[in-house]
Structures are given as structure tokens and as C-alpha cells.
């Protein structure tokens, strides 16, 4: 029964001159527990050289959940064998939570204020910040707007700052903002680096950040007003 799920080690892979680069290690993942670090290069898996990310992924999938694999890893010029037990992929939302909840929210690079006041997250300490990654073409994102407007009306004066961030141009973002009467702040032209630092893989992706600038919740897809209200109230009640 163990081998039914999709096996996962928690590494974002990239090409390397030799082997495969571990571009990023997800917190709490099997690779993280085995002390692998971003920048490590995987040279072989179970004694067989690997030269491309796709090749390594195939080997991991073929091995299956529960298997312990031995990877030859080059860490800053030192080569060693690292044993990793393949876990079942916990799902994108759970990976997002494992990786980011409890960490400080990253700056929003390359983002221009399209509507309302857009300070960087680092300047918003003392406020509870709800960050909504959205796009003008995304139906579920549009469906989220009434809920976010409602939260803005209800808690804005109590210290909640809602910010919608999108890769869209300012023009595209404002067109939708006018059509849907978006009342909260919007930032357009968010950089790929910003989306990557928040591990955004689907839209909408929402985060609640506490008064100290720490990410406390992460979720993918439509969220209910009830669940967001409960957590917002909790974070607003905390000391700054």
C-alpha cells in the first residue's frame, strides 16, 4: 500500500554542468531532514549517474514511496553519500505550509502600486497582512474578491492590510479592479523572483502574515470568509 502515492524528496531541481542541481530544498522534506542544502549537486542515484532533472525524477518515481535511495552528492566540493527515504507527496498546499509557515515573509520585488498604498511587507510590521496572489484571467481569483473586500471593510480600521499581488500589467490589473470594485491595495508586475519566494504554483495563493512579519497561514484556491475571519481576528488580537 505504501507505494501508491507519488514519491517525493522535496527538492526543486535544475540543470548543472555535471549531475543535477538542488536549486531549493523544501523545509521539512525528506531532503531537508537528510541535511541537503540548496546548491548541492546530485551526481548519482543508487550508483547510477544522473545528468538531467527529468532523468532523476524518473528514477525516484520508479523507486516508489518508502524506498531508501542513496544519492552521491557534491556539497561545496566535498562528495558524500546521502540516504533519503522517499515520502509520499503531501500535496501542493501542504508543501507550501511546511516550507513557508513560520518563516518571515519576503519582500515584493519589482511590484508597482496599481491601486491604494503599497508599502513593502517589511514596512508593514505591526499590521496583520493578507497577501493574495491573483491574476486577471483567473476565475477563482475573481470569485475571491467579494470576500477580500468584506474583510477589508470589517478589519481594515483594526490593523488588517490586504494586498493583491499579480504578475499582470498595471493596466490589466486595474481593468479587473474597476469591474469588480476591488477596495484593497493592488500591486502589479510582481517579479518571477517574488512568486518563487512565495512558492506560488497555482492561483489564488493566500498568506496571512502576523504583526511581526511571520507567515502564519498559507492556502491555495478559494477560501471562505469564515476561515479567514477566524484567523484574522486571532492575529489582530496578538500583541504587536
C-alpha atoms as a PDB file:
ATOM      1  CA  UNK A   1       0.000   0.000   0.000  1.00  0.00           C
ATOM      2  CA  UNK A   2       2.960   2.295   0.680  1.00  0.00           C
ATOM      3  CA  UNK A   3       3.933   2.674  -2.956  1.00  0.00           C
ATOM      4  CA  UNK A   4       0.574   4.046  -4.158  1.00  0.00           C
ATOM      5  CA  UNK A   5       1.290   7.783  -3.816  1.00  0.00           C
ATOM      6  CA  UNK A   6       3.688   9.976  -5.744  1.00  0.00           C
ATOM      7  CA  UNK A   7       7.174   9.675  -4.210  1.00  0.00           C
ATOM      8  CA  UNK A   8       8.740  12.922  -3.044  1.00  0.00           C
ATOM      9  CA  UNK A   9      12.087  14.078  -1.672  1.00  0.00           C
ATOM     10  CA  UNK A  10      11.372  17.810  -1.592  1.00  0.00           C
ATOM     11  CA  UNK A  11      13.935  19.261  -3.981  1.00  0.00           C
ATOM     12  CA  UNK A  12      13.453  21.785  -6.775  1.00  0.00           C
ATOM     13  CA  UNK A  13      15.836  20.527  -9.459  1.00  0.00           C
ATOM     14  CA  UNK A  14      17.745  22.349 -12.163  1.00  0.00           C
ATOM     15  CA  UNK A  15      20.380  21.561 -14.778  1.00  0.00           C
ATOM     16  CA  UNK A  16      24.046  21.518 -13.756  1.00  0.00           C
ATOM     17  CA  UNK A  17      27.291  21.139 -15.755  1.00  0.00           C
ATOM     18  CA  UNK A  18      27.688  17.708 -14.172  1.00  0.00           C
ATOM     19  CA  UNK A  19      24.833  15.947 -12.368  1.00  0.00           C
ATOM     20  CA  UNK A  20      21.650  17.736 -11.263  1.00  0.00           C
ATOM     21  CA  UNK A  21      21.478  20.908  -9.166  1.00  0.00           C
ATOM     22  CA  UNK A  22      19.373  21.040  -5.990  1.00  0.00           C
ATOM     23  CA  UNK A  23      18.120  24.596  -6.573  1.00  0.00           C
ATOM     24  CA  UNK A  24      15.923  24.646  -3.493  1.00  0.00           C
ATOM     25  CA  UNK A  25      15.229  22.301  -0.590  1.00  0.00           C
ATOM     26  CA  UNK A  26      11.725  22.441   0.882  1.00  0.00           C
ATOM     27  CA  UNK A  27      11.606  22.793   4.670  1.00  0.00           C
ATOM     28  CA  UNK A  28      10.511  19.646   6.484  1.00  0.00           C
ATOM     29  CA  UNK A  29      11.002  17.475   3.370  1.00  0.00           C
ATOM     30  CA  UNK A  30      12.958  14.184   3.289  1.00  0.00           C
ATOM     31  CA  UNK A  31      15.907  16.005   1.638  1.00  0.00           C
ATOM     32  CA  UNK A  32      15.841  18.696   4.345  1.00  0.00           C
ATOM     33  CA  UNK A  33      15.836  16.025   7.081  1.00  0.00           C
ATOM     34  CA  UNK A  34      18.850  14.423   5.364  1.00  0.00           C
ATOM     35  CA  UNK A  35      20.654  17.815   5.667  1.00  0.00           C
ATOM     36  CA  UNK A  36      20.814  18.527   1.956  1.00  0.00           C
ATOM     37  CA  UNK A  37      21.318  22.197   1.101  1.00  0.00           C
ATOM     38  CA  UNK A  38      20.354  24.441  -1.833  1.00  0.00           C
ATOM     39  CA  UNK A  39      23.326  24.469  -4.213  1.00  0.00           C
ATOM     40  CA  UNK A  40      24.208  20.801  -3.648  1.00  0.00           C
ATOM     41  CA  UNK A  41      24.735  18.796  -6.835  1.00  0.00           C
ATOM     42  CA  UNK A  42      23.343  15.271  -7.128  1.00  0.00           C
ATOM     43  CA  UNK A  43      25.785  13.190  -9.159  1.00  0.00           C
ATOM     44  CA  UNK A  44      24.190   9.750  -8.977  1.00  0.00           C
ATOM     45  CA  UNK A  45      21.161   7.867  -7.631  1.00  0.00           C
ATOM     46  CA  UNK A  46      21.647   4.309  -6.344  1.00  0.00           C
ATOM     47  CA  UNK A  47      25.054   4.162  -8.055  1.00  0.00           C
ATOM     48  CA  UNK A  48      23.834   5.307 -11.494  1.00  0.00           C
ATOM     49  CA  UNK A  49      24.990   8.723 -12.778  1.00  0.00           C
ATOM     50  CA  UNK A  50      22.277  11.318 -13.397  1.00  0.00           C
ATOM     51  CA  UNK A  51      22.683  14.102 -15.948  1.00  0.00           C
ATOM     52  CA  UNK A  52      19.255  15.766 -16.168  1.00  0.00           C
ATOM     53  CA  UNK A  53      16.406  16.634 -13.756  1.00  0.00           C
ATOM     54  CA  UNK A  54      13.875  14.561 -15.740  1.00  0.00           C
ATOM     55  CA  UNK A  55      16.098  11.511 -15.507  1.00  0.00           C
ATOM     56  CA  UNK A  56      16.374  11.825 -11.709  1.00  0.00           C
ATOM     57  CA  UNK A  57      12.604  12.317 -11.343  1.00  0.00           C
ATOM     58  CA  UNK A  58      12.006   9.107 -13.355  1.00  0.00           C
ATOM     59  CA  UNK A  59      14.347   7.155 -11.047  1.00  0.00           C
ATOM     60  CA  UNK A  60      12.576   8.480  -7.939  1.00  0.00           C
ATOM     61  CA  UNK A  61       9.146   7.654  -9.379  1.00  0.00           C
ATOM     62  CA  UNK A  62      10.285   4.157 -10.340  1.00  0.00           C
ATOM     63  CA  UNK A  63      11.656   3.526  -6.830  1.00  0.00           C
ATOM     64  CA  UNK A  64       8.331   4.397  -5.145  1.00  0.00           C
ATOM     65  CA  UNK A  65       7.240   5.637  -1.721  1.00  0.00           C
ATOM     66  CA  UNK A  66       9.044   4.104   1.263  1.00  0.00           C
ATOM     67  CA  UNK A  67      12.210   3.171  -0.661  1.00  0.00           C
ATOM     68  CA  UNK A  68      15.533   4.421   0.718  1.00  0.00           C
ATOM     69  CA  UNK A  69      17.682   5.787  -2.102  1.00  0.00           C
ATOM     70  CA  UNK A  70      21.389   6.612  -1.951  1.00  0.00           C
ATOM     71  CA  UNK A  71      22.433   9.817  -3.678  1.00  0.00           C
ATOM     72  CA  UNK A  72      26.042  10.775  -4.371  1.00  0.00           C
ATOM     73  CA  UNK A  73      26.062  14.494  -3.528  1.00  0.00           C
ATOM     74  CA  UNK A  74      28.678  17.176  -4.132  1.00  0.00           C
ATOM     75  CA  UNK A  75      28.381  19.765  -1.354  1.00  0.00           C
ATOM     76  CA  UNK A  76      30.754  22.703  -1.980  1.00  0.00           C
ATOM     77  CA  UNK A  77      33.383  20.386  -3.456  1.00  0.00           C
ATOM     78  CA  UNK A  78      33.004  17.582  -0.870  1.00  0.00           C
ATOM     79  CA  UNK A  79      31.384  14.405  -2.158  1.00  0.00           C
ATOM     80  CA  UNK A  80      29.390  12.119   0.107  1.00  0.00           C
ATOM     81  CA  UNK A  81      26.581   9.546   0.028  1.00  0.00           C
ATOM     82  CA  UNK A  82      23.233  10.765   1.309  1.00  0.00           C
ATOM     83  CA  UNK A  83      20.472   8.270   2.090  1.00  0.00           C
ATOM     84  CA  UNK A  84      16.910   9.578   1.676  1.00  0.00           C
ATOM     85  CA  UNK A  85      13.680   7.662   2.366  1.00  0.00           C
ATOM     86  CA  UNK A  86      11.114   8.589  -0.296  1.00  0.00           C
ATOM     87  CA  UNK A  87       7.952  10.007   1.275  1.00  0.00           C
ATOM     88  CA  UNK A  88       4.519  10.329  -0.282  1.00  0.00           C
ATOM     89  CA  UNK A  89       3.981  13.782  -1.820  1.00  0.00           C
ATOM     90  CA  UNK A  90       1.818  15.578   0.772  1.00  0.00           C
ATOM     91  CA  UNK A  91       0.055  17.774  -1.820  1.00  0.00           C
ATOM     92  CA  UNK A  92       0.960  21.273  -3.025  1.00  0.00           C
ATOM     93  CA  UNK A  93      -0.845  23.144  -0.236  1.00  0.00           C
ATOM     94  CA  UNK A  94       0.826  21.090   2.497  1.00  0.00           C
ATOM     95  CA  UNK A  95       4.264  21.559   0.869  1.00  0.00           C
ATOM     96  CA  UNK A  96       3.587  25.317   0.792  1.00  0.00           C
ATOM     97  CA  UNK A  97       2.712  25.279   4.505  1.00  0.00           C
ATOM     98  CA  UNK A  98       5.694  23.149   5.500  1.00  0.00           C
ATOM     99  CA  UNK A  99       8.033  25.384   3.565  1.00  0.00           C
ATOM    100  CA  UNK A 100       6.747  28.857   4.470  1.00  0.00           C
ATOM    101  CA  UNK A 101       4.572  28.899   7.606  1.00  0.00           C
ATOM    102  CA  UNK A 102       6.729  30.157  10.473  1.00  0.00           C
ATOM    103  CA  UNK A 103       9.205  31.992   8.212  1.00  0.00           C
ATOM    104  CA  UNK A 104       9.484  35.749   7.620  1.00  0.00           C
ATOM    105  CA  UNK A 105       7.544  36.965   4.564  1.00  0.00           C
ATOM    106  CA  UNK A 106       9.837  38.001   1.684  1.00  0.00           C
ATOM    107  CA  UNK A 107       9.950  41.451   0.059  1.00  0.00           C
ATOM    108  CA  UNK A 108       7.836  42.095  -3.028  1.00  0.00           C
ATOM    109  CA  UNK A 109      10.411  42.763  -5.732  1.00  0.00           C
ATOM    110  CA  UNK A 110       9.553  44.660  -8.905  1.00  0.00           C
ATOM    111  CA  UNK A 111       5.985  45.310  -7.791  1.00  0.00           C
ATOM    112  CA  UNK A 112       4.357  48.634  -8.700  1.00  0.00           C
ATOM    113  CA  UNK A 113       1.385  50.061  -6.817  1.00  0.00           C
ATOM    114  CA  UNK A 114      -1.613  49.787  -9.141  1.00  0.00           C
ATOM    115  CA  UNK A 115      -4.218  50.841  -6.585  1.00  0.00           C
ATOM    116  CA  UNK A 116      -4.082  52.017  -2.971  1.00  0.00           C
ATOM    117  CA  UNK A 117      -0.946  52.324  -0.896  1.00  0.00           C
ATOM    118  CA  UNK A 118       1.596  49.580  -1.437  1.00  0.00           C
ATOM    119  CA  UNK A 119       4.395  49.513   1.129  1.00  0.00           C
ATOM    120  CA  UNK A 120       6.729  46.537   1.056  1.00  0.00           C
ATOM    121  CA  UNK A 121       5.852  43.785   3.541  1.00  0.00           C
ATOM    122  CA  UNK A 122       8.962  44.702   5.567  1.00  0.00           C
ATOM    123  CA  UNK A 123       7.463  48.174   6.200  1.00  0.00           C
ATOM    124  CA  UNK A 124       4.149  46.720   7.403  1.00  0.00           C
ATOM    125  CA  UNK A 125       5.299  45.323  10.749  1.00  0.00           C
ATOM    126  CA  UNK A 126       2.667  45.966  13.408  1.00  0.00           C
ATOM    127  CA  UNK A 127      -0.111  45.221  10.910  1.00  0.00           C
ATOM    128  CA  UNK A 128      -1.674  41.880  10.021  1.00  0.00           C
ATOM    129  CA  UNK A 129      -1.191  41.441   6.260  1.00  0.00           C
ATOM    130  CA  UNK A 130      -3.274  39.240   3.979  1.00  0.00           C
ATOM    131  CA  UNK A 131      -1.347  38.655   0.753  1.00  0.00           C
ATOM    132  CA  UNK A 132      -3.396  37.396  -2.193  1.00  0.00           C
ATOM    133  CA  UNK A 133      -1.533  36.248  -5.316  1.00  0.00           C
ATOM    134  CA  UNK A 134      -4.015  36.522  -8.177  1.00  0.00           C
ATOM    135  CA  UNK A 135      -4.340  37.156 -11.917  1.00  0.00           C
ATOM    136  CA  UNK A 136      -6.889  38.966 -14.070  1.00  0.00           C
ATOM    137  CA  UNK A 137      -7.592  35.803 -16.114  1.00  0.00           C
ATOM    138  CA  UNK A 138      -8.142  33.554 -13.058  1.00  0.00           C
ATOM    139  CA  UNK A 139     -11.811  32.787 -12.321  1.00  0.00           C
ATOM    140  CA  UNK A 140     -11.251  31.584  -8.746  1.00  0.00           C
ATOM    141  CA  UNK A 141      -9.254  34.784  -8.048  1.00  0.00           C
ATOM    142  CA  UNK A 142     -12.168  36.915  -9.213  1.00  0.00           C
ATOM    143  CA  UNK A 143     -14.518  34.860  -7.048  1.00  0.00           C
ATOM    144  CA  UNK A 144     -12.317  35.669  -4.021  1.00  0.00           C
ATOM    145  CA  UNK A 145     -12.763  39.455  -4.405  1.00  0.00           C
ATOM    146  CA  UNK A 146     -16.094  39.885  -2.505  1.00  0.00           C
ATOM    147  CA  UNK A 147     -14.635  38.004   0.488  1.00  0.00           C
ATOM    148  CA  UNK A 148     -11.459  40.115   0.477  1.00  0.00           C
ATOM    149  CA  UNK A 149     -13.490  43.339   0.097  1.00  0.00           C
ATOM    150  CA  UNK A 150     -15.622  42.251   3.070  1.00  0.00           C
ATOM    151  CA  UNK A 151     -12.536  41.568   5.236  1.00  0.00           C
ATOM    152  CA  UNK A 152     -11.052  44.923   4.197  1.00  0.00           C
ATOM    153  CA  UNK A 153     -14.243  46.740   5.252  1.00  0.00           C
ATOM    154  CA  UNK A 154     -14.545  44.794   8.506  1.00  0.00           C
ATOM    155  CA  UNK A 155     -10.941  44.778   9.753  1.00  0.00           C
ATOM    156  CA  UNK A 156      -9.083  47.497   7.805  1.00  0.00           C
ATOM    157  CA  UNK A 157      -9.518  50.026  10.610  1.00  0.00           C
ATOM    158  CA  UNK A 158      -8.367  47.434  13.175  1.00  0.00           C
ATOM    159  CA  UNK A 159      -4.986  46.904  11.512  1.00  0.00           C
ATOM    160  CA  UNK A 160      -5.558  44.424   8.650  1.00  0.00           C
ATOM    161  CA  UNK A 161      -3.834  45.307   5.375  1.00  0.00           C
ATOM    162  CA  UNK A 162      -4.927  43.341   2.310  1.00  0.00           C
ATOM    163  CA  UNK A 163      -2.629  43.332  -0.695  1.00  0.00           C
ATOM    164  CA  UNK A 164      -3.389  41.670  -4.039  1.00  0.00           C
ATOM    165  CA  UNK A 165      -0.210  40.893  -5.987  1.00  0.00           C
ATOM    166  CA  UNK A 166      -0.179  39.939  -9.660  1.00  0.00           C
ATOM    167  CA  UNK A 167       2.292  39.446 -12.500  1.00  0.00           C
ATOM    168  CA  UNK A 168      -0.229  41.228 -14.745  1.00  0.00           C
ATOM    169  CA  UNK A 169       0.441  44.703 -16.107  1.00  0.00           C
ATOM    170  CA  UNK A 170      -0.972  47.653 -14.189  1.00  0.00           C
ATOM    171  CA  UNK A 171      -3.490  48.184 -16.997  1.00  0.00           C
ATOM    172  CA  UNK A 172      -4.822  44.594 -16.864  1.00  0.00           C
ATOM    173  CA  UNK A 173      -4.977  44.665 -13.055  1.00  0.00           C
ATOM    174  CA  UNK A 174      -6.879  47.979 -12.958  1.00  0.00           C
ATOM    175  CA  UNK A 175      -9.382  46.851 -15.596  1.00  0.00           C
ATOM    176  CA  UNK A 176     -10.423  43.944 -13.345  1.00  0.00           C
ATOM    177  CA  UNK A 177     -10.199  46.094 -10.212  1.00  0.00           C
ATOM    178  CA  UNK A 178     -12.699  48.567 -11.660  1.00  0.00           C
ATOM    179  CA  UNK A 179     -15.006  45.859 -12.949  1.00  0.00           C
ATOM    180  CA  UNK A 180     -15.066  44.036  -9.600  1.00  0.00           C
ATOM    181  CA  UNK A 181     -14.831  47.171  -7.391  1.00  0.00           C
ATOM    182  CA  UNK A 182     -11.694  45.972  -5.601  1.00  0.00           C
ATOM    183  CA  UNK A 183     -11.289  48.104  -2.467  1.00  0.00           C
ATOM    184  CA  UNK A 184      -7.911  46.881  -1.152  1.00  0.00           C
ATOM    185  CA  UNK A 185      -4.354  47.659  -2.325  1.00  0.00           C
ATOM    186  CA  UNK A 186      -3.074  46.081  -5.551  1.00  0.00           C
ATOM    187  CA  UNK A 187       0.471  45.584  -6.770  1.00  0.00           C
ATOM    188  CA  UNK A 188       1.098  44.766 -10.446  1.00  0.00           C
ATOM    189  CA  UNK A 189       4.127  43.451 -12.319  1.00  0.00           C
ATOM    190  CA  UNK A 190       5.233  41.173  -9.465  1.00  0.00           C
ATOM    191  CA  UNK A 191       8.566  39.596 -10.425  1.00  0.00           C
ATOM    192  CA  UNK A 192       9.152  35.880 -11.009  1.00  0.00           C
ATOM    193  CA  UNK A 193      11.529  36.077  -8.048  1.00  0.00           C
ATOM    194  CA  UNK A 194       8.682  37.279  -5.795  1.00  0.00           C
ATOM    195  CA  UNK A 195       6.368  34.476  -6.962  1.00  0.00           C
ATOM    196  CA  UNK A 196       9.174  31.986  -6.410  1.00  0.00           C
ATOM    197  CA  UNK A 197       9.998  33.250  -2.928  1.00  0.00           C
ATOM    198  CA  UNK A 198       6.342  32.617  -2.003  1.00  0.00           C
ATOM    199  CA  UNK A 199       6.348  29.244  -3.863  1.00  0.00           C
ATOM    200  CA  UNK A 200       3.297  30.289  -5.896  1.00  0.00           C
ATOM    201  CA  UNK A 201       2.385  27.369  -8.169  1.00  0.00           C
ATOM    202  CA  UNK A 202      -1.384  27.938  -8.537  1.00  0.00           C
ATOM    203  CA  UNK A 203      -3.794  30.847  -8.153  1.00  0.00           C
ATOM    204  CA  UNK A 204      -5.120  32.239  -5.941  1.00  0.00           C
ATOM    205  CA  UNK A 205      -2.486  31.599  -3.256  1.00  0.00           C
ATOM    206  CA  UNK A 206      -3.133  33.408   0.027  1.00  0.00           C
ATOM    207  CA  UNK A 207      -0.977  34.096   3.060  1.00  0.00           C
ATOM    208  CA  UNK A 208      -1.760  35.663   6.423  1.00  0.00           C
ATOM    209  CA  UNK A 209       1.279  37.404   7.903  1.00  0.00           C
ATOM    210  CA  UNK A 210       1.336  38.403  11.582  1.00  0.00           C
ATOM    211  CA  UNK A 211       2.381  41.723  13.145  1.00  0.00           C
ATOM    212  CA  UNK A 212       5.993  40.537  13.388  1.00  0.00           C
ATOM    213  CA  UNK A 213       6.152  39.758   9.658  1.00  0.00           C
ATOM    214  CA  UNK A 214       5.924  35.952  10.065  1.00  0.00           C
ATOM    215  CA  UNK A 215       3.761  33.871   7.691  1.00  0.00           C
ATOM    216  CA  UNK A 216       1.122  32.115   9.795  1.00  0.00           C
ATOM    217  CA  UNK A 217      -1.166  30.532   7.188  1.00  0.00           C
ATOM    218  CA  UNK A 218      -0.780  29.545   3.541  1.00  0.00           C
ATOM    219  CA  UNK A 219      -3.559  28.284   1.293  1.00  0.00           C
ATOM    220  CA  UNK A 220      -4.244  27.570  -2.371  1.00  0.00           C
ATOM    221  CA  UNK A 221      -7.586  28.145  -4.084  1.00  0.00           C
ATOM    222  CA  UNK A 222     -10.867  29.679  -2.911  1.00  0.00           C
ATOM    223  CA  UNK A 223     -11.067  30.338   0.829  1.00  0.00           C
ATOM    224  CA  UNK A 224     -14.199  31.002   2.867  1.00  0.00           C
ATOM    225  CA  UNK A 225     -14.863  34.278   4.623  1.00  0.00           C
ATOM    226  CA  UNK A 226     -15.356  32.285   7.876  1.00  0.00           C
ATOM    227  CA  UNK A 227     -11.924  30.628   7.892  1.00  0.00           C
ATOM    228  CA  UNK A 228     -10.114  33.868   7.006  1.00  0.00           C
ATOM    229  CA  UNK A 229     -12.128  35.837   9.603  1.00  0.00           C
ATOM    230  CA  UNK A 230     -11.248  33.413  12.427  1.00  0.00           C
ATOM    231  CA  UNK A 231      -7.515  33.607  11.703  1.00  0.00           C
ATOM    232  CA  UNK A 232      -7.550  37.385  11.063  1.00  0.00           C
ATOM    233  CA  UNK A 233      -9.240  38.009  14.437  1.00  0.00           C
ATOM    234  CA  UNK A 234      -6.722  35.778  16.167  1.00  0.00           C
ATOM    235  CA  UNK A 235      -3.726  37.600  14.621  1.00  0.00           C
ATOM    236  CA  UNK A 236      -5.206  41.070  15.256  1.00  0.00           C
ATOM    237  CA  UNK A 237      -5.604  40.166  18.948  1.00  0.00           C
ATOM    238  CA  UNK A 238      -1.895  39.302  19.286  1.00  0.00           C
ATOM    239  CA  UNK A 239       0.486  41.944  20.684  1.00  0.00           C
ATOM    240  CA  UNK A 240       2.491  43.849  18.028  1.00  0.00           C
END
